[in-house]
Amino acid sequence: MKHAAKQTALLGLCTALALLMAYVELLIPPIVAAVPGVKIGLPNVIIVFILYRIGAKQATVVSLVRVALVTLLFGNAMAFAYSIAGAALSLLVMIGLRKLKLFSAVGVSVAGAVMHNVGQVLTAMLLLGTAELGYYLIVLSLTGTLAGVLIGICGALLIQKIPDTKKY
């Protein structure tokens, strides 16, 4: 029982940190004004950390709660559709790659970032009925790779510096 309470508190703290990082990201001016929708993905530092230090189920819960809270606080129904699609596809790929143990946290993060973009573009194509949006993946794959490397390095540093939370 004590372990469950500590893990719940830790997951609550991680959710709050991911939400805070999402808010901070909203305050950052667009990095590439010519490329709409490009974000760093700061909250994913927390998701990568949870995936490696706590577990896939917990990373999924925190990610979905974060998407819902960010939408309620800062977004709308369309933002939710894009975010949930991107987060779901990203998580599926990151969980699968983590289980394979073929990639570092940085590699897993890069794949997650690119798949997040794929999920969002597929959702836009479906909602808007425009297959040509698929070409946008070229640009988003490049920016997603760069962001994924940055987020992966930050996540790897957290994983390295914070002890295994399964001991709590």
Foldseek 3Di string as FASTA:
>chain_A
DVLVVVVVVVLVVLLVVLLVQVVVQVVDPDPDVVQPPQTLNQSVLSLLLCCPQPHLVSSLVSQLVSLVVCCVVPHDPLSSQLSVQLQVQLSVQLNVCVVVPPDALLVSLLSSLLSSVVSNLVSCCVVVVPPVSVVSSVVSNVSSNVSSNVSSVSSVVCNVPDDRSSVD
